[in-house]
């Protein structure tokens, strides 16, 4: 029994140790990736700043080579960022990322060629290579720009379609919330309102209530027209009026 307990405790200890080692390795790898990304970003920033300074502060083939490299790097980086950001929400851009990966291989090869020519001492040879290098750079950057602009146009189109759909749904909802504006004021009152009018109408003019609570129309006597005759003076006296004496009375 004691040997089994010791074995279980040993296994638990080894499991915790293995888990700790695994977590430590993962943390170290994540930290290493973060450091590598930071170093790469810093190196790219330094190279871009150096190329910008060369393109502005120098003349001749050195300045042209710096401009070509700077144009190439700026276009490729912007396209890569746009495609990677769009592929998170749009799976159709994954094929575009594959095409961009093939284009990046040509871009890196061109950047290495331009970098080697910067160290070339024969400036005449470099000047002779500039037209072909410029055309090659324009083809690569043109393809990259086309991919980037198409991805942005696609995202903007989807956003416009979603906005149109949302606007239509909001219009329907606002119309439902203002439903009273669609009722024509000239239409007849609903049946419930007419029933309520009969029920609340007083006396013989509004009809009599039946024993079962249903309204009845006015009686025939109430509907018959009254004869236009002079009122009888003997029947029009009110209680507060004095009775007229006959003339024969003393």
Protein backbone atom coordinates (compact mmCIF):
# COMPACT_ATOMS: atom_id res chain seq x y z
CA UNK A 1 0.00 0.00 0.00
CA UNK A 2 2.77 2.41 0.91
CA UNK A 3 4.65 1.51 -2.28
CA UNK A 4 1.57 2.38 -4.37
CA UNK A 5 1.23 5.76 -2.67
CA UNK A 6 4.91 6.50 -3.26
CA UNK A 7 4.53 5.53 -6.92
CA UNK A 8 1.50 7.81 -7.37
CA UNK A 9 3.29 10.72 -5.71
CA UNK A 10 6.33 10.14 -7.92
CA UNK A 11 4.17 10.12 -11.04
CA UNK A 12 2.44 13.30 -9.95
CA UNK A 13 5.81 14.94 -9.31
CA UNK A 14 7.11 13.90 -12.71
CA UNK A 15 3.92 15.17 -14.37
CA UNK A 16 4.28 18.57 -12.73
CA UNK A 17 7.94 18.71 -13.72
CA UNK A 18 7.12 17.82 -17.33
CA UNK A 19 4.33 20.38 -17.41
CA UNK A 20 6.65 23.03 -16.03
CA UNK A 21 9.33 22.22 -18.60
CA UNK A 22 6.77 22.36 -21.42
CA UNK A 23 5.41 25.71 -20.23
CA UNK A 24 8.94 27.08 -19.89
CA UNK A 25 9.84 26.00 -23.42
CA UNK A 26 6.68 27.59 -24.81
CA UNK A 27 7.39 30.84 -23.00
CA UNK A 28 10.99 30.88 -24.20
CA UNK A 29 9.95 30.24 -27.80
CA UNK A 30 7.30 32.95 -27.64
CA UNK A 31 9.82 35.39 -26.19
CA UNK A 32 12.35 34.44 -28.87
CA UNK A 33 9.77 35.04 -31.60
CA UNK A 34 8.93 38.41 -30.08
CA UNK A 35 12.60 39.36 -29.95
CA UNK A 36 13.12 38.21 -33.54
CA UNK A 37 10.14 40.26 -34.73
CA UNK A 38 11.44 43.29 -32.88
CA UNK A 39 14.92 42.87 -34.35
CA UNK A 40 13.56 42.37 -37.85
CA UNK A 41 11.37 45.45 -37.57
CA UNK A 42 14.27 47.50 -36.24
CA UNK A 43 16.54 46.25 -39.02
CA UNK A 44 13.94 47.08 -41.68
CA UNK A 45 13.46 50.54 -40.20
CA UNK A 46 17.21 51.18 -40.27
CA UNK A 47 17.52 49.93 -43.85
CA UNK A 48 14.58 52.02 -45.02
CA UNK A 49 15.98 55.11 -43.34
CA UNK A 50 19.38 54.47 -44.91
CA UNK A 51 17.88 53.99 -48.38
CA UNK A 52 15.80 57.14 -48.02
CA UNK A 53 18.86 59.09 -47.02
CA UNK A 54 20.84 57.72 -49.98
CA UNK A 55 18.07 58.50 -52.45
CA UNK A 56 17.90 62.09 -51.23
CA UNK A 57 21.52 62.83 -50.36
CA UNK A 58 23.31 61.17 -53.26
CA UNK A 59 23.28 61.48 -57.02
CA UNK A 60 23.97 59.16 -59.91
CA UNK A 61 23.62 55.40 -59.93
CA UNK A 62 23.80 55.10 -56.12
CA UNK A 63 20.73 57.29 -55.71
CA UNK A 64 18.88 55.39 -58.46
CA UNK A 65 19.61 52.04 -56.85
CA UNK A 66 18.42 53.34 -53.48
CA UNK A 67 15.19 54.62 -55.02
CA UNK A 68 14.53 51.27 -56.69
CA UNK A 69 15.12 49.32 -53.48
CA UNK A 70 12.99 51.71 -51.43
CA UNK A 71 10.13 51.56 -53.94
CA UNK A 72 10.31 47.75 -54.06
CA UNK A 73 10.35 47.30 -50.29
CA UNK A 74 7.57 49.82 -49.64
CA UNK A 75 5.21 48.27 -52.21
CA UNK A 76 5.84 44.68 -51.16
CA UNK A 77 5.44 45.42 -47.44
CA UNK A 78 2.20 47.36 -47.94
CA UNK A 79 0.74 44.58 -50.09
CA UNK A 80 1.73 41.90 -47.60
CA UNK A 81 0.11 43.77 -44.71
CA UNK A 82 -3.10 44.38 -46.68
CA UNK A 83 -3.45 40.76 -47.81
CA UNK A 84 -2.70 39.29 -44.40
CA UNK A 85 -5.19 41.60 -42.70
CA UNK A 86 -7.89 40.89 -45.28
CA UNK A 87 -7.39 37.12 -45.27
CA UNK A 88 -8.50 36.99 -41.63
CA UNK A 89 -12.07 37.90 -42.64
CA UNK A 90 -12.09 36.88 -46.31
CA UNK A 91 -10.92 33.35 -47.11
CA UNK A 92 -10.82 34.16 -50.83
CA UNK A 93 -7.66 36.19 -50.25
CA UNK A 94 -5.69 33.08 -49.31
CA UNK A 95 -5.13 32.37 -52.98
CA UNK A 96 -3.96 35.94 -53.39
CA UNK A 97 -1.50 35.35 -50.54
CA UNK A 98 -0.14 32.33 -52.37
CA UNK A 99 0.38 34.41 -55.51
CA UNK A 100 2.02 37.12 -53.45
CA UNK A 101 4.36 34.53 -51.96
CA UNK A 102 5.56 33.64 -55.45
CA UNK A 103 5.89 37.33 -56.27
CA UNK A 104 7.87 37.89 -53.07
CA UNK A 105 10.47 35.39 -54.23
CA UNK A 106 11.11 37.54 -57.31
CA UNK A 107 11.11 40.66 -55.14
CA UNK A 108 13.74 39.26 -52.75
CA UNK A 109 15.89 38.18 -55.67
CA UNK A 110 15.68 41.66 -57.17
CA UNK A 111 16.49 43.28 -53.84
CA UNK A 112 19.60 41.10 -53.50
CA UNK A 113 20.70 42.07 -57.02
CA UNK A 114 20.25 45.75 -56.23
CA UNK A 115 22.13 45.35 -52.97
CA UNK A 116 25.08 43.71 -54.75
CA UNK A 117 25.15 46.47 -57.35
CA UNK A 118 25.43 49.04 -54.57
CA UNK A 119 28.85 47.54 -53.75
CA UNK A 120 29.88 47.30 -57.39
CA UNK A 121 32.87 49.60 -58.05
CA UNK A 122 32.27 49.79 -61.80
CA UNK A 123 29.68 52.54 -61.97
CA UNK A 124 29.51 52.36 -65.76
CA UNK A 125 28.44 48.73 -65.57
CA UNK A 126 25.80 49.61 -62.97
CA UNK A 127 24.49 52.43 -65.16
CA UNK A 128 24.13 49.99 -68.03
CA UNK A 129 22.05 47.65 -65.83
CA UNK A 130 19.72 50.37 -64.56
CA UNK A 131 17.14 50.27 -67.41
CA UNK A 132 16.58 46.53 -67.05
CA UNK A 133 16.51 46.79 -63.27
CA UNK A 134 14.01 49.65 -63.40
CA UNK A 135 11.70 47.69 -65.73
CA UNK A 136 11.96 44.63 -63.50
CA UNK A 137 11.17 46.69 -60.41
CA UNK A 138 8.16 48.29 -62.07
CA UNK A 139 6.76 44.91 -63.10
CA UNK A 140 7.04 43.52 -59.58
CA UNK A 141 5.71 46.61 -57.84
CA UNK A 142 2.92 46.91 -60.41
CA UNK A 143 1.76 43.37 -59.70
CA UNK A 144 1.98 43.96 -55.95
CA UNK A 145 0.03 47.20 -56.22
CA UNK A 146 -2.64 45.49 -58.32
CA UNK A 147 -3.10 42.76 -55.69
CA UNK A 148 -3.25 45.29 -52.86
CA UNK A 149 -5.74 47.57 -54.60
CA UNK A 150 -7.96 44.65 -55.63
CA UNK A 151 -8.04 43.40 -52.03
CA UNK A 152 -8.97 46.85 -50.75
CA UNK A 153 -11.64 47.29 -53.42
CA UNK A 154 -13.10 43.90 -52.49
CA UNK A 155 -13.20 44.80 -48.80
CA UNK A 156 -14.78 48.19 -49.57
CA UNK A 157 -17.39 46.56 -51.82
CA UNK A 158 -18.34 44.09 -49.09
CA UNK A 159 -18.60 46.96 -46.62
CA UNK A 160 -20.85 48.92 -49.01
CA UNK A 161 -23.10 45.90 -49.59
CA UNK A 162 -23.39 45.28 -45.86
CA UNK A 163 -24.20 48.96 -45.31
CA UNK A 164 -26.90 48.87 -47.99
CA UNK A 165 -28.49 45.79 -46.42
CA UNK A 166 -28.31 47.34 -42.97
CA UNK A 167 -29.85 50.60 -44.22
CA UNK A 168 -32.75 48.70 -45.83
CA UNK A 169 -33.40 46.78 -42.60
CA UNK A 170 -33.31 50.00 -40.60
CA UNK A 171 -35.81 51.61 -42.99
CA UNK A 172 -38.18 48.68 -42.51
CA UNK A 173 -37.78 48.85 -38.74
CA UNK A 174 -38.37 52.60 -38.57
CA UNK A 175 -41.47 52.19 -40.73
CA UNK A 176 -42.77 49.54 -38.34
CA UNK A 177 -42.07 51.76 -35.34
CA UNK A 178 -44.02 54.62 -36.98
CA UNK A 179 -46.93 52.40 -38.01
CA UNK A 180 -49.50 55.07 -37.19
CA UNK A 181 -48.30 57.22 -40.05
CA UNK A 182 -49.52 54.62 -42.54
CA UNK A 183 -53.14 54.76 -41.34
CA UNK A 184 -55.37 56.86 -43.58
CA UNK A 185 -57.28 59.39 -41.53
CA UNK A 186 -60.17 59.32 -43.96
CA UNK A 187 -60.96 55.66 -43.49
CA UNK A 188 -63.97 54.51 -41.51
CA UNK A 189 -63.67 53.69 -37.86
CA UNK A 190 -62.99 50.07 -37.06
CA UNK A 191 -65.76 47.72 -36.00
CA UNK A 192 -64.65 47.77 -32.38
CA UNK A 193 -64.96 51.55 -32.26
CA UNK A 194 -68.49 51.40 -33.73
CA UNK A 195 -69.53 48.79 -31.18
CA UNK A 196 -68.17 50.92 -28.38
CA UNK A 197 -70.12 53.92 -29.71
CA UNK A 198 -73.39 51.97 -29.62
CA UNK A 199 -72.67 50.71 -26.17
CA UNK A 200 -71.93 54.14 -24.74
CA UNK A 201 -74.73 56.00 -26.58
CA UNK A 202 -77.42 57.18 -24.11
CA UNK A 203 -81.19 56.65 -24.14
CA UNK A 204 -83.39 55.88 -27.08
CA UNK A 205 -81.18 57.75 -29.53
CA UNK A 206 -78.33 55.30 -29.15
CA UNK A 207 -80.48 52.17 -29.04
CA UNK A 208 -81.49 49.88 -26.21
CA UNK A 209 -79.42 47.20 -24.60
CA UNK A 210 -80.73 43.71 -24.99
CA UNK A 211 -80.82 41.31 -22.12
CA UNK A 212 -77.77 39.47 -23.46
CA UNK A 213 -75.72 42.72 -23.59
CA UNK A 214 -75.86 43.15 -27.38
CA UNK A 215 -76.81 46.63 -28.66
CA UNK A 216 -80.12 47.06 -30.45
CA UNK A 217 -81.13 49.73 -32.88
CA UNK A 218 -83.54 52.54 -32.05
CA UNK A 219 -87.26 51.69 -31.72
CA UNK A 220 -89.63 52.31 -34.59
CA UNK A 221 -91.39 54.97 -32.58
CA UNK A 222 -88.16 56.84 -32.14
CA UNK A 223 -87.40 56.57 -35.85
CA UNK A 224 -90.86 57.80 -36.98
CA UNK A 225 -90.92 61.51 -37.91
CA UNK A 226 -92.79 63.84 -35.59
CA UNK A 227 -95.80 65.79 -36.87
CA UNK A 228 -95.34 69.53 -37.14
CA UNK A 229 -98.25 70.75 -34.97
CA UNK A 230 -98.66 73.57 -32.55
CA UNK A 231 -98.14 72.56 -28.98
CA UNK A 232 -101.17 72.35 -26.76
CA UNK A 233 -100.98 75.26 -24.28
CA UNK A 234 -102.62 73.10 -21.67
CA UNK A 235 -99.85 70.60 -21.78
CA UNK A 236 -96.93 73.03 -21.96
CA UNK A 237 -97.33 74.47 -18.50
CA UNK A 238 -94.47 73.78 -16.21
CA UNK A 239 -94.91 73.18 -12.49
CA UNK A 240 -93.56 76.61 -11.57
CA UNK A 241 -95.98 78.52 -13.80
CA UNK A 242 -99.29 79.76 -12.48
CA UNK A 243 -102.47 78.34 -13.96
CA UNK A 244 -104.36 81.00 -15.92
CA UNK A 245 -107.85 81.76 -14.57
CA UNK A 246 -110.83 81.69 -16.91
CA UNK A 247 -112.25 85.08 -17.83
CA UNK A 248 -115.61 84.26 -16.23
CA UNK A 249 -114.04 83.88 -12.92
CA UNK A 250 -114.47 86.85 -10.65
